[in-house]
């Protein structure tokens, strides 16, 4: 039997909240602090009532690519299964796009960014 595929996802926002993790993955995630270089963070209003109910927040952080070395967003990198990554895709609203990035630590991870300003 093969090992399940492990994915890494970097969160700078609501995926770091225990309530969101329990609702989305059915478990609490353990992660490591890291930085997403070349991006800057702002806030975005969420219109999806299910996502607002899960997070308890009507505005969520969102990041956009700047390409500037001086820019960086602090967050947490988590190891999750491929199935959990699909559940994270379902949780995120269409304003976010999942892209592969290299974190400041050198770790490769997925991150949800502003779909209008994705690299």
PDB file of N, CA and C in Angstrom:
ATOM      1  N   UNK A   1       0.842  -1.184   0.000  1.00  0.00           N
ATOM      2  CA  UNK A   1       0.000   0.000   0.000  1.00  0.00           C
ATOM      3  C   UNK A   1       0.885   1.245   0.000  1.00  0.00           C
ATOM      4  N   UNK A   2       0.564   2.214  -0.862  1.00  0.00           N
ATOM      5  CA  UNK A   2       1.395   3.403  -0.964  1.00  0.00           C
ATOM      6  C   UNK A   2       1.042   4.419   0.110  1.00  0.00           C
ATOM      7  N   UNK A   3       2.037   5.237   0.435  1.00  0.00           N
ATOM      8  CA  UNK A   3       1.836   6.315   1.415  1.00  0.00           C
ATOM      9  C   UNK A   3       0.945   7.388   0.802  1.00  0.00           C
ATOM     10  N   UNK A   4       0.067   8.017   1.610  1.00  0.00           N
ATOM     11  CA  UNK A   4      -0.714   9.119   1.070  1.00  0.00           C
ATOM     12  C   UNK A   4       0.204  10.292   0.717  1.00  0.00           C
ATOM     13  N   UNK A   5      -0.146  11.010  -0.329  1.00  0.00           N
ATOM     14  CA  UNK A   5       0.643  12.151  -0.773  1.00  0.00           C
ATOM     15  C   UNK A   5       0.548  13.265   0.262  1.00  0.00           C
ATOM     16  N   UNK A   6       1.695  13.806   0.630  1.00  0.00           N
ATOM     17  CA  UNK A   6       1.728  14.937   1.547  1.00  0.00           C
ATOM     18  C   UNK A   6       1.914  16.217   0.749  1.00  0.00           C
ATOM     19  N   UNK A   7       1.088  17.186   1.038  1.00  0.00           N
ATOM     20  CA  UNK A   7       1.169  18.504   0.425  1.00  0.00           C
ATOM     21  C   UNK A   7       1.532  19.507   1.513  1.00  0.00           C
ATOM     22  N   UNK A   8       2.029  20.648   1.090  1.00  0.00           N
ATOM     23  CA  UNK A   8       2.261  21.742   2.040  1.00  0.00           C
ATOM     24  C   UNK A   8       1.428  22.932   1.588  1.00  0.00           C
ATOM     25  N   UNK A   9       0.789  23.577   2.548  1.00  0.00           N
ATOM     26  CA  UNK A   9       0.020  24.774   2.267  1.00  0.00           C
ATOM     27  C   UNK A   9       0.465  25.860   3.236  1.00  0.00           C
ATOM     28  N   UNK A  10       0.684  27.061   2.696  1.00  0.00           N
ATOM     29  CA  UNK A  10       1.073  28.209   3.512  1.00  0.00           C
ATOM     30  C   UNK A  10      -0.168  29.045   3.761  1.00  0.00           C
ATOM     31  N   UNK A  11      -0.440  29.349   5.023  1.00  0.00           N
ATOM     32  CA  UNK A  11      -1.587  30.184   5.378  1.00  0.00           C
ATOM     33  C   UNK A  11      -1.127  31.451   6.076  1.00  0.00           C
ATOM     34  N   UNK A  12      -1.667  32.558   5.624  1.00  0.00           N
ATOM     35  CA  UNK A  12      -1.443  33.855   6.265  1.00  0.00           C
ATOM     36  C   UNK A  12      -2.752  34.367   6.853  1.00  0.00           C
ATOM     37  N   UNK A  13      -3.810  33.558   6.744  1.00  0.00           N
ATOM     38  CA  UNK A  13      -5.141  34.014   7.134  1.00  0.00           C
ATOM     39  C   UNK A  13      -5.938  32.983   7.903  1.00  0.00           C
ATOM     40  N   UNK A  14      -7.181  32.786   7.469  1.00  0.00           N
ATOM     41  CA  UNK A  14      -8.144  32.027   8.271  1.00  0.00           C
ATOM     42  C   UNK A  14      -7.850  30.531   8.373  1.00  0.00           C
ATOM     43  N   UNK A  15      -7.053  29.966   7.472  1.00  0.00           N
ATOM     44  CA  UNK A  15      -6.702  28.547   7.620  1.00  0.00           C
ATOM     45  C   UNK A  15      -5.824  28.310   8.849  1.00  0.00           C
ATOM     46  N   UNK A  16      -5.345  29.376   9.474  1.00  0.00           N
ATOM     47  CA  UNK A  16      -4.590  29.248  10.725  1.00  0.00           C
ATOM     48  C   UNK A  16      -5.523  29.128  11.937  1.00  0.00           C
ATOM     49  N   UNK A  17      -6.819  29.440  11.756  1.00  0.00           N
ATOM     50  CA  UNK A  17      -7.773  29.407  12.868  1.00  0.00           C
ATOM     51  C   UNK A  17      -8.215  27.972  13.158  1.00  0.00           C
ATOM     52  N   UNK A  18      -8.187  27.603  14.429  1.00  0.00           N
ATOM     53  CA  UNK A  18      -8.583  26.245  14.806  1.00  0.00           C
ATOM     54  C   UNK A  18     -10.002  25.927  14.345  1.00  0.00           C
ATOM     55  N   UNK A  19     -10.924  26.881  14.470  1.00  0.00           N
ATOM     56  CA  UNK A  19     -12.318  26.640  14.070  1.00  0.00           C
ATOM     57  C   UNK A  19     -12.420  26.328  12.576  1.00  0.00           C
ATOM     58  N   UNK A  20     -11.641  27.020  11.756  1.00  0.00           N
ATOM     59  CA  UNK A  20     -11.642  26.780  10.309  1.00  0.00           C
ATOM     60  C   UNK A  20     -10.995  25.430  10.005  1.00  0.00           C
ATOM     61  N   UNK A  21      -9.909  25.111  10.698  1.00  0.00           N
ATOM     62  CA  UNK A  21      -9.250  23.812  10.491  1.00  0.00           C
ATOM     63  C   UNK A  21     -10.189  22.661  10.836  1.00  0.00           C
ATOM     64  N   UNK A  22     -10.876  22.756  11.957  1.00  0.00           N
ATOM     65  CA  UNK A  22     -11.792  21.685  12.366  1.00  0.00           C
ATOM     66  C   UNK A  22     -12.932  21.541  11.372  1.00  0.00           C
ATOM     67  N   UNK A  23     -13.493  22.662  10.898  1.00  0.00           N
ATOM     68  CA  UNK A  23     -14.597  22.614   9.948  1.00  0.00           C
ATOM     69  C   UNK A  23     -14.150  22.125   8.574  1.00  0.00           C
ATOM     70  N   UNK A  24     -12.932  22.477   8.165  1.00  0.00           N
ATOM     71  CA  UNK A  24     -12.452  22.156   6.822  1.00  0.00           C
ATOM     72  C   UNK A  24     -11.779  20.792   6.747  1.00  0.00           C
ATOM     73  N   UNK A  25     -10.967  20.469   7.767  1.00  0.00           N
ATOM     74  CA  UNK A  25     -10.159  19.244   7.724  1.00  0.00           C
ATOM     75  C   UNK A  25     -10.577  18.197   8.755  1.00  0.00           C
ATOM     76  N   UNK A  26     -11.402  18.593   9.729  1.00  0.00           N
ATOM     77  CA  UNK A  26     -11.812  17.663  10.775  1.00  0.00           C
ATOM     78  C   UNK A  26     -10.732  17.419  11.805  1.00  0.00           C
ATOM     79  N   UNK A  27      -9.709  18.255  11.791  1.00  0.00           N
ATOM     80  CA  UNK A  27      -8.622  18.123  12.764  1.00  0.00           C
ATOM     81  C   UNK A  27      -7.899  19.459  12.891  1.00  0.00           C
ATOM     82  N   UNK A  28      -7.133  19.585  13.977  1.00  0.00           N
ATOM     83  CA  UNK A  28      -6.307  20.764  14.202  1.00  0.00           C
ATOM     84  C   UNK A  28      -4.946  20.515  13.548  1.00  0.00           C
ATOM     85  N   UNK A  29      -4.477  21.475  12.764  1.00  0.00           N
ATOM     86  CA  UNK A  29      -3.193  21.341  12.081  1.00  0.00           C
ATOM     87  C   UNK A  29      -2.066  21.873  12.952  1.00  0.00           C
ATOM     88  N   UNK A  30      -0.897  21.283  12.782  1.00  0.00           N
ATOM     89  CA  UNK A  30       0.311  21.766  13.445  1.00  0.00           C
ATOM     90  C   UNK A  30       1.225  22.288  12.351  1.00  0.00           C
ATOM     91  N   UNK A  31       1.708  23.513  12.527  1.00  0.00           N
ATOM     92  CA  UNK A  31       2.513  24.112  11.471  1.00  0.00           C
ATOM     93  C   UNK A  31       3.757  24.790  11.983  1.00  0.00           C
ATOM     94  N   UNK A  32       4.483  25.384  11.034  1.00  0.00           N
ATOM     95  CA  UNK A  32       5.732  26.075  11.314  1.00  0.00           C
ATOM     96  C   UNK A  32       5.661  27.480  10.733  1.00  0.00           C
ATOM     97  N   UNK A  33       6.128  28.460  11.495  1.00  0.00           N
ATOM     98  CA  UNK A  33       6.144  29.844  11.017  1.00  0.00           C
ATOM     99  C   UNK A  33       7.070  29.968   9.815  1.00  0.00           C
ATOM    100  N   UNK A  34       6.659  30.780   8.846  1.00  0.00           N
ATOM    101  CA  UNK A  34       7.469  31.023   7.655  1.00  0.00           C
ATOM    102  C   UNK A  34       7.032  32.359   7.062  1.00  0.00           C
ATOM    103  N   UNK A  35       7.657  32.743   5.961  1.00  0.00           N
ATOM    104  CA  UNK A  35       7.347  34.006   5.290  1.00  0.00           C
ATOM    105  C   UNK A  35       7.184  33.738   3.797  1.00  0.00           C
ATOM    106  N   UNK A  36       6.171  34.365   3.205  1.00  0.00           N
ATOM    107  CA  UNK A  36       5.930  34.319   1.770  1.00  0.00           C
ATOM    108  C   UNK A  36       6.583  35.558   1.154  1.00  0.00           C
ATOM    109  N   UNK A  37       7.733  35.398   0.486  1.00  0.00           N
ATOM    110  CA  UNK A  37       8.433  36.579  -0.067  1.00  0.00           C
ATOM    111  C   UNK A  37       7.797  37.061  -1.360  1.00  0.00           C
ATOM    112  N   UNK A  38       7.935  38.384  -1.611  1.00  0.00           N
ATOM    113  CA  UNK A  38       7.475  38.952  -2.869  1.00  0.00           C
ATOM    114  C   UNK A  38       5.988  39.200  -2.957  1.00  0.00           C
ATOM    115  N   UNK A  39       5.311  39.214  -1.818  1.00  0.00           N
ATOM    116  CA  UNK A  39       3.870  39.455  -1.764  1.00  0.00           C
ATOM    117  C   UNK A  39       3.579  40.504  -0.703  1.00  0.00           C
ATOM    118  N   UNK A  40       2.419  41.182  -0.840  1.00  0.00           N
ATOM    119  CA  UNK A  40       1.936  42.077   0.201  1.00  0.00           C
ATOM    120  C   UNK A  40       0.488  41.712   0.512  1.00  0.00           C
ATOM    121  N   UNK A  41       0.073  41.998   1.748  1.00  0.00           N
ATOM    122  CA  UNK A  41      -1.232  41.576   2.247  1.00  0.00           C
ATOM    123  C   UNK A  41      -2.191  42.758   2.376  1.00  0.00           C
ATOM    124  N   UNK A  42      -3.456  42.500   2.095  1.00  0.00           N
ATOM    125  CA  UNK A  42      -4.533  43.449   2.346  1.00  0.00           C
ATOM    126  C   UNK A  42      -5.748  42.647   2.828  1.00  0.00           C
ATOM    127  N   UNK A  43      -6.891  43.304   2.938  1.00  0.00           N
ATOM    128  CA  UNK A  43      -8.110  42.629   3.377  1.00  0.00           C
ATOM    129  C   UNK A  43      -9.143  42.672   2.251  1.00  0.00           C
ATOM    130  N   UNK A  44     -10.017  41.639   2.237  1.00  0.00           N
ATOM    131  CA  UNK A  44     -11.051  41.540   1.222  1.00  0.00           C
ATOM    132  C   UNK A  44     -12.368  41.127   1.875  1.00  0.00           C
ATOM    133  N   UNK A  45     -13.464  41.749   1.449  1.00  0.00           N
ATOM    134  CA  UNK A  45     -14.787  41.378   1.951  1.00  0.00           C
ATOM    135  C   UNK A  45     -15.198  40.042   1.345  1.00  0.00           C
ATOM    136  N   UNK A  46     -15.695  39.142   2.198  1.00  0.00           N
ATOM    137  CA  UNK A  46     -16.145  37.820   1.763  1.00  0.00           C
ATOM    138  C   UNK A  46     -17.666  37.836   1.678  1.00  0.00           C
ATOM    139  N   UNK A  47     -18.205  37.445   0.525  1.00  0.00           N
ATOM    140  CA  UNK A  47     -19.649  37.441   0.322  1.00  0.00           C
ATOM    141  C   UNK A  47     -20.282  36.061   0.511  1.00  0.00           C
ATOM    142  N   UNK A  48     -19.472  35.004   0.549  1.00  0.00           N
ATOM    143  CA  UNK A  48     -19.997  33.643   0.701  1.00  0.00           C
ATOM    144  C   UNK A  48     -20.416  33.427   2.150  1.00  0.00           C
ATOM    145  N   UNK A  49     -21.722  33.259   2.417  1.00  0.00           N
ATOM    146  CA  UNK A  49     -22.187  33.140   3.802  1.00  0.00           C
ATOM    147  C   UNK A  49     -21.636  31.906   4.523  1.00  0.00           C
ATOM    148  N   UNK A  50     -21.368  30.813   3.799  1.00  0.00           N
ATOM    149  CA  UNK A  50     -20.820  29.609   4.437  1.00  0.00           C
ATOM    150  C   UNK A  50     -19.396  29.857   4.917  1.00  0.00           C
ATOM    151  N   UNK A  51     -18.599  30.552   4.110  1.00  0.00           N
ATOM    152  CA  UNK A  51     -17.214  30.852   4.488  1.00  0.00           C
ATOM    153  C   UNK A  51     -17.195  31.823   5.665  1.00  0.00           C
ATOM    154  N   UNK A  52     -18.073  32.827   5.639  1.00  0.00           N
ATOM    155  CA  UNK A  52     -18.165  33.776   6.751  1.00  0.00           C
ATOM    156  C   UNK A  52     -18.580  33.042   8.026  1.00  0.00           C
ATOM    157  N   UNK A  53     -19.539  32.122   7.912  1.00  0.00           N
ATOM    158  CA  UNK A  53     -19.983  31.360   9.085  1.00  0.00           C
ATOM    159  C   UNK A  53     -18.857  30.493   9.640  1.00  0.00           C
ATOM    160  N   UNK A  54     -18.066  29.882   8.754  1.00  0.00           N
ATOM    161  CA  UNK A  54     -16.965  29.016   9.194  1.00  0.00           C
ATOM    162  C   UNK A  54     -15.868  29.815   9.885  1.00  0.00           C
ATOM    163  N   UNK A  55     -15.508  30.962   9.304  1.00  0.00           N
ATOM    164  CA  UNK A  55     -14.396  31.750   9.845  1.00  0.00           C
ATOM    165  C   UNK A  55     -14.843  32.706  10.943  1.00  0.00           C
ATOM    166  N   UNK A  56     -16.120  33.096  10.922  1.00  0.00           N
ATOM    167  CA  UNK A  56     -16.602  34.099  11.863  1.00  0.00           C
ATOM    168  C   UNK A  56     -16.163  35.501  11.491  1.00  0.00           C
ATOM    169  N   UNK A  57     -15.677  35.681  10.256  1.00  0.00           N
ATOM    170  CA  UNK A  57     -15.145  36.973   9.819  1.00  0.00           C
ATOM    171  C   UNK A  57     -15.693  37.333   8.439  1.00  0.00           C
ATOM    172  N   UNK A  58     -16.130  38.584   8.274  1.00  0.00           N
ATOM    173  CA  UNK A  58     -16.656  39.027   6.981  1.00  0.00           C
ATOM    174  C   UNK A  58     -15.552  39.541   6.048  1.00  0.00           C
ATOM    175  N   UNK A  59     -14.383  39.801   6.606  1.00  0.00           N
ATOM    176  CA  UNK A  59     -13.231  40.240   5.804  1.00  0.00           C
ATOM    177  C   UNK A  59     -12.059  39.300   6.086  1.00  0.00           C
ATOM    178  N   UNK A  60     -11.435  38.817   5.026  1.00  0.00           N
ATOM    179  CA  UNK A  60     -10.303  37.894   5.145  1.00  0.00           C
ATOM    180  C   UNK A  60      -9.058  38.535   4.545  1.00  0.00           C
ATOM    181  N   UNK A  61      -7.890  38.164   5.066  1.00  0.00           N
ATOM    182  CA  UNK A  61      -6.647  38.613   4.437  1.00  0.00           C
ATOM    183  C   UNK A  61      -6.523  38.021   3.031  1.00  0.00           C
ATOM    184  N   UNK A  62      -5.884  38.761   2.158  1.00  0.00           N
ATOM    185  CA  UNK A  62      -5.579  38.269   0.815  1.00  0.00           C
ATOM    186  C   UNK A  62      -4.216  38.852   0.443  1.00  0.00           C
ATOM    187  N   UNK A  63      -3.455  38.134  -0.366  1.00  0.00           N
ATOM    188  CA  UNK A  63      -2.138  38.634  -0.768  1.00  0.00           C
ATOM    189  C   UNK A  63      -2.073  38.765  -2.278  1.00  0.00           C
ATOM    190  N   UNK A  64      -1.254  39.730  -2.694  1.00  0.00           N
ATOM    191  CA  UNK A  64      -1.015  39.900  -4.126  1.00  0.00           C
ATOM    192  C   UNK A  64       0.476  39.926  -4.376  1.00  0.00           C
ATOM    193  N   UNK A  65       0.856  39.407  -5.533  1.00  0.00           N
ATOM    194  CA  UNK A  65       2.256  39.322  -5.935  1.00  0.00           C
ATOM    195  C   UNK A  65       2.783  40.704  -6.272  1.00  0.00           C
ATOM    196  N   UNK A  66       3.936  41.050  -5.708  1.00  0.00           N
ATOM    197  CA  UNK A  66       4.612  42.307  -6.046  1.00  0.00           C
ATOM    198  C   UNK A  66       5.944  42.039  -6.738  1.00  0.00           C
ATOM    199  N   UNK A  67       6.566  40.886  -6.411  1.00  0.00           N
ATOM    200  CA  UNK A  67       7.870  40.567  -6.973  1.00  0.00           C
ATOM    201  C   UNK A  67       9.024  41.272  -6.290  1.00  0.00           C
ATOM    202  N   UNK A  68       8.713  42.117  -5.296  1.00  0.00           N
ATOM    203  CA  UNK A  68       9.766  42.869  -4.602  1.00  0.00           C
ATOM    204  C   UNK A  68      10.337  42.034  -3.456  1.00  0.00           C
ATOM    205  N   UNK A  69      11.654  41.917  -3.404  1.00  0.00           N
ATOM    206  CA  UNK A  69      12.325  41.149  -2.354  1.00  0.00           C
ATOM    207  C   UNK A  69      12.023  41.683  -0.962  1.00  0.00           C
ATOM    208  N   UNK A  70      11.819  42.994  -0.847  1.00  0.00           N
ATOM    209  CA  UNK A  70      11.578  43.608   0.458  1.00  0.00           C
ATOM    210  C   UNK A  70      10.201  43.252   1.017  1.00  0.00           C
ATOM    211  N   UNK A  71       9.272  42.832   0.142  1.00  0.00           N
ATOM    212  CA  UNK A  71       7.922  42.484   0.598  1.00  0.00           C
ATOM    213  C   UNK A  71       7.885  41.044   1.089  1.00  0.00           C
ATOM    214  N   UNK A  72       7.083  40.812   2.095  1.00  0.00           N
ATOM    215  CA  UNK A  72       6.903  39.456   2.604  1.00  0.00           C
ATOM    216  C   UNK A  72       5.720  39.408   3.550  1.00  0.00           C
ATOM    217  N   UNK A  73       5.060  38.260   3.588  1.00  0.00           N
ATOM    218  CA  UNK A  73       3.887  38.064   4.430  1.00  0.00           C
ATOM    219  C   UNK A  73       4.169  36.910   5.388  1.00  0.00           C
ATOM    220  N   UNK A  74       4.006  37.176   6.682  1.00  0.00           N
ATOM    221  CA  UNK A  74       4.217  36.141   7.695  1.00  0.00           C
ATOM    222  C   UNK A  74       2.996  35.224   7.776  1.00  0.00           C
ATOM    223  N   UNK A  75       3.265  33.956   8.063  1.00  0.00           N
ATOM    224  CA  UNK A  75       2.182  32.990   8.201  1.00  0.00           C
ATOM    225  C   UNK A  75       2.719  31.666   8.698  1.00  0.00           C
ATOM    226  N   UNK A  76       1.984  30.606   8.376  1.00  0.00           N
ATOM    227  CA  UNK A  76       2.308  29.267   8.852  1.00  0.00           C
ATOM    228  C   UNK A  76       2.215  28.278   7.703  1.00  0.00           C
ATOM    229  N   UNK A  77       3.185  27.382   7.626  1.00  0.00           N
ATOM    230  CA  UNK A  77       3.143  26.312   6.631  1.00  0.00           C
ATOM    231  C   UNK A  77       2.701  25.033   7.331  1.00  0.00           C
ATOM    232  N   UNK A  78       1.725  24.359   6.702  1.00  0.00           N
ATOM    233  CA  UNK A  78       1.148  23.133   7.254  1.00  0.00           C
ATOM    234  C   UNK A  78       1.342  21.988   6.273  1.00  0.00           C
ATOM    235  N   UNK A  79       1.537  20.777   6.812  1.00  0.00           N
ATOM    236  CA  UNK A  79       1.530  19.574   5.985  1.00  0.00           C
ATOM    237  C   UNK A  79       0.131  18.993   6.036  1.00  0.00           C
ATOM    238  N   UNK A  80      -0.445  18.772   4.839  1.00  0.00           N
ATOM    239  CA  UNK A  80      -1.787  18.218   4.745  1.00  0.00           C
ATOM    240  C   UNK A  80      -1.800  17.149   3.663  1.00  0.00           C
ATOM    241  N   UNK A  81      -2.862  16.362   3.622  1.00  0.00           N
ATOM    242  CA  UNK A  81      -2.990  15.325   2.591  1.00  0.00           C
ATOM    243  C   UNK A  81      -3.542  15.946   1.304  1.00  0.00           C
ATOM    244  N   UNK A  82      -3.448  15.200   0.214  1.00  0.00           N
ATOM    245  CA  UNK A  82      -3.997  15.663  -1.060  1.00  0.00           C
ATOM    246  C   UNK A  82      -5.505  15.874  -0.936  1.00  0.00           C
ATOM    247  N   UNK A  83      -6.184  15.012  -0.193  1.00  0.00           N
ATOM    248  CA  UNK A  83      -7.625  15.169   0.025  1.00  0.00           C
ATOM    249  C   UNK A  83      -7.914  16.447   0.820  1.00  0.00           C
ATOM    250  N   UNK A  84      -7.093  16.732   1.826  1.00  0.00           N
ATOM    251  CA  UNK A  84      -7.282  17.961   2.606  1.00  0.00           C
ATOM    252  C   UNK A  84      -7.022  19.201   1.745  1.00  0.00           C
ATOM    253  N   UNK A  85      -6.087  19.113   0.807  1.00  0.00           N
ATOM    254  CA  UNK A  85      -5.836  20.226  -0.095  1.00  0.00           C
ATOM    255  C   UNK A  85      -7.074  20.497  -0.951  1.00  0.00           C
ATOM    256  N   UNK A  86      -7.746  19.451  -1.411  1.00  0.00           N
ATOM    257  CA  UNK A  86      -8.990  19.618  -2.168  1.00  0.00           C
ATOM    258  C   UNK A  86     -10.062  20.279  -1.294  1.00  0.00           C
ATOM    259  N   UNK A  87     -10.106  19.920  -0.014  1.00  0.00           N
ATOM    260  CA  UNK A  87     -11.070  20.550   0.897  1.00  0.00           C
ATOM    261  C   UNK A  87     -10.731  22.026   1.113  1.00  0.00           C
ATOM    262  N   UNK A  88      -9.454  22.362   1.162  1.00  0.00           N
ATOM    263  CA  UNK A  88      -9.050  23.772   1.266  1.00  0.00           C
ATOM    264  C   UNK A  88      -9.478  24.527   0.005  1.00  0.00           C
ATOM    265  N   UNK A  89      -9.343  23.896  -1.163  1.00  0.00           N
ATOM    266  CA  UNK A  89      -9.808  24.512  -2.415  1.00  0.00           C
ATOM    267  C   UNK A  89     -11.305  24.821  -2.335  1.00  0.00           C
ATOM    268  N   UNK A  90     -12.070  23.886  -1.764  1.00  0.00           N
ATOM    269  CA  UNK A  90     -13.514  24.084  -1.636  1.00  0.00           C
ATOM    270  C   UNK A  90     -13.844  25.216  -0.673  1.00  0.00           C
ATOM    271  N   UNK A  91     -13.041  25.386   0.373  1.00  0.00           N
ATOM    272  CA  UNK A  91     -13.266  26.429   1.376  1.00  0.00           C
ATOM    273  C   UNK A  91     -13.008  27.822   0.805  1.00  0.00           C
ATOM    274  N   UNK A  92     -11.953  27.964   0.014  1.00  0.00           N
ATOM    275  CA  UNK A  92     -11.560  29.279  -0.491  1.00  0.00           C
ATOM    276  C   UNK A  92     -12.541  29.764  -1.563  1.00  0.00           C
ATOM    277  N   UNK A  93     -12.881  31.049  -1.528  1.00  0.00           N
ATOM    278  CA  UNK A  93     -13.795  31.624  -2.512  1.00  0.00           C
ATOM    279  C   UNK A  93     -13.050  31.895  -3.815  1.00  0.00           C
ATOM    280  N   UNK A  94     -13.783  32.199  -4.878  1.00  0.00           N
ATOM    281  CA  UNK A  94     -13.193  32.309  -6.212  1.00  0.00           C
ATOM    282  C   UNK A  94     -12.226  33.481  -6.369  1.00  0.00           C
ATOM    283  N   UNK A  95     -12.225  34.423  -5.430  1.00  0.00           N
ATOM    284  CA  UNK A  95     -11.266  35.535  -5.504  1.00  0.00           C
ATOM    285  C   UNK A  95      -9.838  35.059  -5.264  1.00  0.00           C
ATOM    286  N   UNK A  96      -9.698  33.856  -4.706  1.00  0.00           N
ATOM    287  CA  UNK A  96      -8.379  33.296  -4.418  1.00  0.00           C
ATOM    288  C   UNK A  96      -8.007  32.263  -5.475  1.00  0.00           C
ATOM    289  N   UNK A  97      -6.729  32.235  -5.819  1.00  0.00           N
ATOM    290  CA  UNK A  97      -6.191  31.229  -6.737  1.00  0.00           C
ATOM    291  C   UNK A  97      -5.040  30.527  -6.022  1.00  0.00           C
ATOM    292  N   UNK A  98      -5.011  29.199  -6.103  1.00  0.00           N
ATOM    293  CA  UNK A  98      -3.919  28.442  -5.475  1.00  0.00           C
ATOM    294  C   UNK A  98      -2.740  28.384  -6.428  1.00  0.00           C
ATOM    295  N   UNK A  99      -1.569  28.812  -5.927  1.00  0.00           N
ATOM    296  CA  UNK A  99      -0.341  28.794  -6.721  1.00  0.00           C
ATOM    297  C   UNK A  99       0.780  28.156  -5.901  1.00  0.00           C
ATOM    298  N   UNK A 100       1.761  27.608  -6.615  1.00  0.00           N
ATOM    299  CA  UNK A 100       2.938  27.035  -5.971  1.00  0.00           C
ATOM    300  C   UNK A 100       3.961  28.137  -5.747  1.00  0.00           C
ATOM    301  N   UNK A 101       4.546  28.151  -4.551  1.00  0.00           N
ATOM    302  CA  UNK A 101       5.532  29.180  -4.200  1.00  0.00           C
ATOM    303  C   UNK A 101       6.703  28.548  -3.460  1.00  0.00           C
ATOM    304  N   UNK A 102       7.782  29.304  -3.383  1.00  0.00           N
ATOM    305  CA  UNK A 102       8.927  28.931  -2.555  1.00  0.00           C
ATOM    306  C   UNK A 102       8.959  29.928  -1.400  1.00  0.00           C
ATOM    307  N   UNK A 103       8.851  29.415  -0.176  1.00  0.00           N
ATOM    308  CA  UNK A 103       8.842  30.265   1.010  1.00  0.00           C
ATOM    309  C   UNK A 103      10.259  30.703   1.356  1.00  0.00           C
ATOM    310  N   UNK A 104      10.373  31.673   2.232  1.00  0.00           N
ATOM    311  CA  UNK A 104      11.691  32.201   2.605  1.00  0.00           C
ATOM    312  C   UNK A 104      12.594  31.090   3.142  1.00  0.00           C
ATOM    313  N   UNK A 105      12.009  30.081   3.805  1.00  0.00           N
ATOM    314  CA  UNK A 105      12.787  28.961   4.347  1.00  0.00           C
ATOM    315  C   UNK A 105      13.331  28.040   3.262  1.00  0.00           C
ATOM    316  N   UNK A 106      12.804  28.184   2.036  1.00  0.00           N
ATOM    317  CA  UNK A 106      13.180  27.285   0.949  1.00  0.00           C
ATOM    318  C   UNK A 106      12.157  26.200   0.703  1.00  0.00           C
ATOM    319  N   UNK A 107      11.162  26.075   1.576  1.00  0.00           N
ATOM    320  CA  UNK A 107      10.112  25.069   1.435  1.00  0.00           C
ATOM    321  C   UNK A 107       9.201  25.444   0.261  1.00  0.00           C
ATOM    322  N   UNK A 108       8.858  24.453  -0.543  1.00  0.00           N
ATOM    323  CA  UNK A 108       7.867  24.623  -1.602  1.00  0.00           C
ATOM    324  C   UNK A 108       6.496  24.376  -1.002  1.00  0.00           C
ATOM    325  N   UNK A 109       5.523  25.241  -1.290  1.00  0.00           N
ATOM    326  CA  UNK A 109       4.186  25.094  -0.724  1.00  0.00           C
ATOM    327  C   UNK A 109       3.159  25.704  -1.669  1.00  0.00           C
ATOM    328  N   UNK A 110       1.905  25.344  -1.430  1.00  0.00           N
ATOM    329  CA  UNK A 110       0.781  25.987  -2.093  1.00  0.00           C
ATOM    330  C   UNK A 110       0.361  27.178  -1.250  1.00  0.00           C
ATOM    331  N   UNK A 111      -0.144  28.220  -1.906  1.00  0.00           N
ATOM    332  CA  UNK A 111      -0.694  29.371  -1.192  1.00  0.00           C
ATOM    333  C   UNK A 111      -1.856  29.912  -2.022  1.00  0.00           C
ATOM    334  N   UNK A 112      -2.855  30.453  -1.329  1.00  0.00           N
ATOM    335  CA  UNK A 112      -4.008  31.064  -1.991  1.00  0.00           C
ATOM    336  C   UNK A 112      -3.765  32.568  -2.067  1.00  0.00           C
ATOM    337  N   UNK A 113      -3.741  33.075  -3.306  1.00  0.00           N
ATOM    338  CA  UNK A 113      -3.416  34.480  -3.551  1.00  0.00           C
ATOM    339  C   UNK A 113      -4.573  35.145  -4.291  1.00  0.00           C
ATOM    340  N   UNK A 114      -4.516  36.466  -4.376  1.00  0.00           N
ATOM    341  CA  UNK A 114      -5.502  37.236  -5.118  1.00  0.00           C
ATOM    342  C   UNK A 114      -5.440  36.797  -6.584  1.00  0.00           C
ATOM    343  N   UNK A 115      -6.541  36.239  -7.092  1.00  0.00           N
ATOM    344  CA  UNK A 115      -6.567  35.705  -8.455  1.00  0.00           C
ATOM    345  C   UNK A 115      -6.295  36.794  -9.492  1.00  0.00           C
ATOM    346  N   UNK A 116      -6.582  38.054  -9.153  1.00  0.00           N
ATOM    347  CA  UNK A 116      -6.349  39.158 -10.098  1.00  0.00           C
ATOM    348  C   UNK A 116      -4.875  39.522 -10.194  1.00  0.00           C
ATOM    349  N   UNK A 117      -4.088  39.149  -9.174  1.00  0.00           N
ATOM    350  CA  UNK A 117      -2.667  39.536  -9.147  1.00  0.00           C
ATOM    351  C   UNK A 117      -1.770  38.325  -8.902  1.00  0.00           C
ATOM    352  N   UNK A 118      -2.144  37.179  -9.418  1.00  0.00           N
ATOM    353  CA  UNK A 118      -1.358  35.960  -9.234  1.00  0.00           C
ATOM    354  C   UNK A 118      -0.097  36.023 -10.078  1.00  0.00           C
ATOM    355  N   UNK A 119       0.987  35.416  -9.600  1.00  0.00           N
ATOM    356  CA  UNK A 119       2.215  35.411 -10.402  1.00  0.00           C
ATOM    357  C   UNK A 119       2.080  34.535 -11.639  1.00  0.00           C
TER     358      UNK A 119
END
